[in-house]
Amino acid sequence: MWFQGRRKQPPIRNVVADGSTISGELRFTDGVRIDGDVNGDVVADGALPTLVVIGEKAHIRGRVKGGHVIISGEVSGPVESDDLLELRPSARILGDVRYEALEMHRGASISGELR
């Protein structure tokens, strides 16, 4: 797992700003930060390590798939993390969750199956 090694996290090269809405699939490499709304899937492209940061004001209606996934906002759909899934206190997930390792803070909630 890359987050346990000495490798640096991938740089965030893509941003969906607060007040922005994207409709459709969002594919990315390296890292992405989402503070707005996404109506569609957020999917990492390729086999290299990836980082997904979902801010407190963000709402995603679709699937989220990445390496290291950090959620502070709301996801209505399944979440899949190939490495580490971090759920901050304000995180809300309405869907099934798959992960390699999980860090869940008090206050975070999941309405779905954990694997």
C-alpha atoms as a PDB file:
ATOM      1  CA  MET A   1       0.000   0.000   0.000  1.00  0.00           C
ATOM      2  CA  TRP A   2       1.564   3.260  -1.097  1.00  0.00           C
ATOM      3  CA  PHE A   3       0.332   5.366   1.848  1.00  0.00           C
ATOM      4  CA  GLN A   4       2.375   3.293   4.294  1.00  0.00           C
ATOM      5  CA  GLY A   5       5.583   3.690   2.332  1.00  0.00           C
ATOM      6  CA  ARG A   6       7.711   6.742   1.825  1.00  0.00           C
ATOM      7  CA  ARG A   7       6.105   7.824  -1.428  1.00  0.00           C
ATOM      8  CA  LYS A   8       4.603  11.271  -1.547  1.00  0.00           C
ATOM      9  CA  GLN A   9       0.908  11.745  -2.172  1.00  0.00           C
ATOM     10  CA  PRO A  10       0.061  12.588  -5.768  1.00  0.00           C
ATOM     11  CA  PRO A  11      -0.351  16.311  -6.487  1.00  0.00           C
ATOM     12  CA  ILE A  12      -3.848  17.734  -6.786  1.00  0.00           C
ATOM     13  CA  ARG A  13      -4.037  18.883 -10.407  1.00  0.00           C
ATOM     14  CA  ASN A  14      -7.828  19.070 -10.754  1.00  0.00           C
ATOM     15  CA  VAL A  15     -10.316  21.128  -8.722  1.00  0.00           C
ATOM     16  CA  VAL A  16     -14.101  21.413  -8.748  1.00  0.00           C
ATOM     17  CA  ALA A  17     -14.620  24.643  -6.837  1.00  0.00           C
ATOM     18  CA  ASP A  18     -17.406  25.486  -4.387  1.00  0.00           C
ATOM     19  CA  GLY A  19     -20.376  26.774  -6.386  1.00  0.00           C
ATOM     20  CA  SER A  20     -19.500  24.649  -9.427  1.00  0.00           C
ATOM     21  CA  THR A  21     -21.562  21.732 -10.737  1.00  0.00           C
ATOM     22  CA  ILE A  22     -20.352  19.002 -13.071  1.00  0.00           C
ATOM     23  CA  SER A  23     -22.787  16.628 -14.778  1.00  0.00           C
ATOM     24  CA  GLY A  24     -21.206  13.481 -16.183  1.00  0.00           C
ATOM     25  CA  GLU A  25     -18.241  11.266 -15.397  1.00  0.00           C
ATOM     26  CA  LEU A  26     -15.102  12.913 -14.008  1.00  0.00           C
ATOM     27  CA  ARG A  27     -11.943  10.907 -14.800  1.00  0.00           C
ATOM     28  CA  PHE A  28      -8.597  12.033 -13.443  1.00  0.00           C
ATOM     29  CA  THR A  29      -4.971  11.105 -12.802  1.00  0.00           C
ATOM     30  CA  ASP A  30      -2.855  12.179  -9.823  1.00  0.00           C
ATOM     31  CA  GLY A  31      -5.185  14.056  -7.472  1.00  0.00           C
ATOM     32  CA  VAL A  32      -8.547  15.815  -7.507  1.00  0.00           C
ATOM     33  CA  ARG A  33     -10.236  18.065  -4.945  1.00  0.00           C
ATOM     34  CA  ILE A  34     -14.006  18.513  -5.068  1.00  0.00           C
ATOM     35  CA  ASP A  35     -15.726  21.317  -3.181  1.00  0.00           C
ATOM     36  CA  GLY A  36     -18.734  21.672  -5.511  1.00  0.00           C
ATOM     37  CA  ASP A  37     -21.352  19.238  -6.815  1.00  0.00           C
ATOM     38  CA  VAL A  38     -20.776  16.314  -9.173  1.00  0.00           C
ATOM     39  CA  ASN A  39     -23.730  14.508 -10.746  1.00  0.00           C
ATOM     40  CA  GLY A  40     -21.879  11.482 -12.064  1.00  0.00           C
ATOM     41  CA  ASP A  41     -18.984   9.186 -11.267  1.00  0.00           C
ATOM     42  CA  VAL A  42     -15.558  10.339 -10.025  1.00  0.00           C
ATOM     43  CA  VAL A  43     -13.075   7.714 -11.212  1.00  0.00           C
ATOM     44  CA  ALA A  44      -9.278   7.515 -11.078  1.00  0.00           C
ATOM     45  CA  ASP A  45      -7.644   6.721 -14.413  1.00  0.00           C
ATOM     46  CA  GLY A  46      -4.623   4.439 -14.579  1.00  0.00           C
ATOM     47  CA  ALA A  47      -2.659   2.282 -12.188  1.00  0.00           C
ATOM     48  CA  LEU A  48      -0.567   4.987 -10.501  1.00  0.00           C
ATOM     49  CA  PRO A  49      -1.403   6.209  -6.971  1.00  0.00           C
ATOM     50  CA  THR A  50      -4.268   8.702  -6.874  1.00  0.00           C
ATOM     51  CA  LEU A  51      -5.771  11.054  -4.308  1.00  0.00           C
ATOM     52  CA  VAL A  52      -9.424  12.131  -4.035  1.00  0.00           C
ATOM     53  CA  VAL A  53     -10.350  14.903  -1.569  1.00  0.00           C
ATOM     54  CA  ILE A  54     -14.056  15.614  -1.112  1.00  0.00           C
ATOM     55  CA  GLY A  55     -14.581  18.837   0.850  1.00  0.00           C
ATOM     56  CA  GLU A  56     -17.260  19.567   3.469  1.00  0.00           C
ATOM     57  CA  LYS A  57     -19.550  21.433   1.049  1.00  0.00           C
ATOM     58  CA  ALA A  58     -19.219  18.858  -1.740  1.00  0.00           C
ATOM     59  CA  HIS A  59     -22.019  16.534  -2.808  1.00  0.00           C
ATOM     60  CA  ILE A  60     -21.385  13.702  -5.229  1.00  0.00           C
ATOM     61  CA  ARG A  61     -24.267  11.754  -6.745  1.00  0.00           C
ATOM     62  CA  GLY A  62     -22.447   8.801  -8.269  1.00  0.00           C
ATOM     63  CA  ARG A  63     -19.609   6.365  -7.731  1.00  0.00           C
ATOM     64  CA  VAL A  64     -16.256   7.445  -6.255  1.00  0.00           C
ATOM     65  CA  LYS A  65     -13.177   5.324  -7.033  1.00  0.00           C
ATOM     66  CA  GLY A  66      -9.581   6.165  -6.223  1.00  0.00           C
ATOM     67  CA  GLY A  67      -6.477   5.189  -4.297  1.00  0.00           C
ATOM     68  CA  HIS A  68      -6.356   7.413  -1.207  1.00  0.00           C
ATOM     69  CA  VAL A  69      -9.856   8.856  -0.696  1.00  0.00           C
ATOM     70  CA  ILE A  70     -10.567  11.567   1.903  1.00  0.00           C
ATOM     71  CA  ILE A  71     -14.237  12.449   2.439  1.00  0.00           C
ATOM     72  CA  SER A  72     -15.572  15.394   4.444  1.00  0.00           C
ATOM     73  CA  GLY A  73     -18.728  15.982   2.371  1.00  0.00           C
ATOM     74  CA  GLU A  74     -21.564  13.799   1.101  1.00  0.00           C
ATOM     75  CA  VAL A  75     -21.484  10.928  -1.396  1.00  0.00           C
ATOM     76  CA  SER A  76     -24.719   9.365  -2.658  1.00  0.00           C
ATOM     77  CA  GLY A  77     -23.343   6.251  -4.316  1.00  0.00           C
ATOM     78  CA  PRO A  78     -20.732   3.540  -3.817  1.00  0.00           C
ATOM     79  CA  VAL A  79     -17.189   4.414  -2.697  1.00  0.00           C
ATOM     80  CA  GLU A  80     -14.135   2.303  -3.551  1.00  0.00           C
ATOM     81  CA  SER A  81     -10.664   3.010  -2.209  1.00  0.00           C
ATOM     82  CA  ASP A  82      -7.721   0.931  -3.430  1.00  0.00           C
ATOM     83  CA  ASP A  83      -5.575   2.076  -0.499  1.00  0.00           C
ATOM     84  CA  LEU A  84      -6.757   4.279   2.376  1.00  0.00           C
ATOM     85  CA  LEU A  85     -10.269   5.636   2.924  1.00  0.00           C
ATOM     86  CA  GLU A  86     -10.412   8.532   5.409  1.00  0.00           C
ATOM     87  CA  LEU A  87     -13.830   9.635   6.650  1.00  0.00           C
ATOM     88  CA  ARG A  88     -13.733  12.969   8.454  1.00  0.00           C
ATOM     89  CA  PRO A  89     -16.369  13.880  11.108  1.00  0.00           C
ATOM     90  CA  SER A  90     -18.705  15.558   8.583  1.00  0.00           C
ATOM     91  CA  ALA A  91     -18.550  12.686   6.037  1.00  0.00           C
ATOM     92  CA  ARG A  92     -21.847  11.156   4.880  1.00  0.00           C
ATOM     93  CA  ILE A  93     -21.979   8.151   2.557  1.00  0.00           C
ATOM     94  CA  LEU A  94     -25.227   6.727   1.223  1.00  0.00           C
ATOM     95  CA  GLY A  95     -23.953   3.604  -0.516  1.00  0.00           C
ATOM     96  CA  ASP A  96     -21.702   0.583  -0.200  1.00  0.00           C
ATOM     97  CA  VAL A  97     -18.033   1.081   0.688  1.00  0.00           C
ATOM     98  CA  ARG A  98     -14.977  -0.991  -0.295  1.00  0.00           C
ATOM     99  CA  TYR A  99     -11.507  -0.212   1.033  1.00  0.00           C
ATOM    100  CA  GLU A 100      -8.070  -1.623   1.778  1.00  0.00           C
ATOM    101  CA  ALA A 101      -7.696   0.381   5.030  1.00  0.00           C
ATOM    102  CA  LEU A 102     -10.207   2.615   6.826  1.00  0.00           C
ATOM    103  CA  GLU A 103      -9.795   5.621   9.123  1.00  0.00           C
ATOM    104  CA  MET A 104     -13.201   6.796  10.347  1.00  0.00           C
ATOM    105  CA  HIS A 105     -13.588   9.775  12.674  1.00  0.00           C
ATOM    106  CA  ARG A 106     -16.393  10.116  15.217  1.00  0.00           C
ATOM    107  CA  GLY A 107     -19.418  11.732  13.569  1.00  0.00           C
ATOM    108  CA  ALA A 108     -18.912  10.233  10.100  1.00  0.00           C
ATOM    109  CA  SER A 109     -21.767   8.080   8.849  1.00  0.00           C
ATOM    110  CA  ILE A 110     -22.222   5.309   6.298  1.00  0.00           C
ATOM    111  CA  SER A 111     -25.591   3.922   5.178  1.00  0.00           C
ATOM    112  CA  GLY A 112     -24.461   0.865   3.265  1.00  0.00           C
ATOM    113  CA  GLU A 113     -22.325  -2.239   3.392  1.00  0.00           C
ATOM    114  CA  LEU A 114     -18.642  -2.109   4.385  1.00  0.00           C
ATOM    115  CA  ARG A 115     -16.106  -4.494   2.783  1.00  0.00           C
END
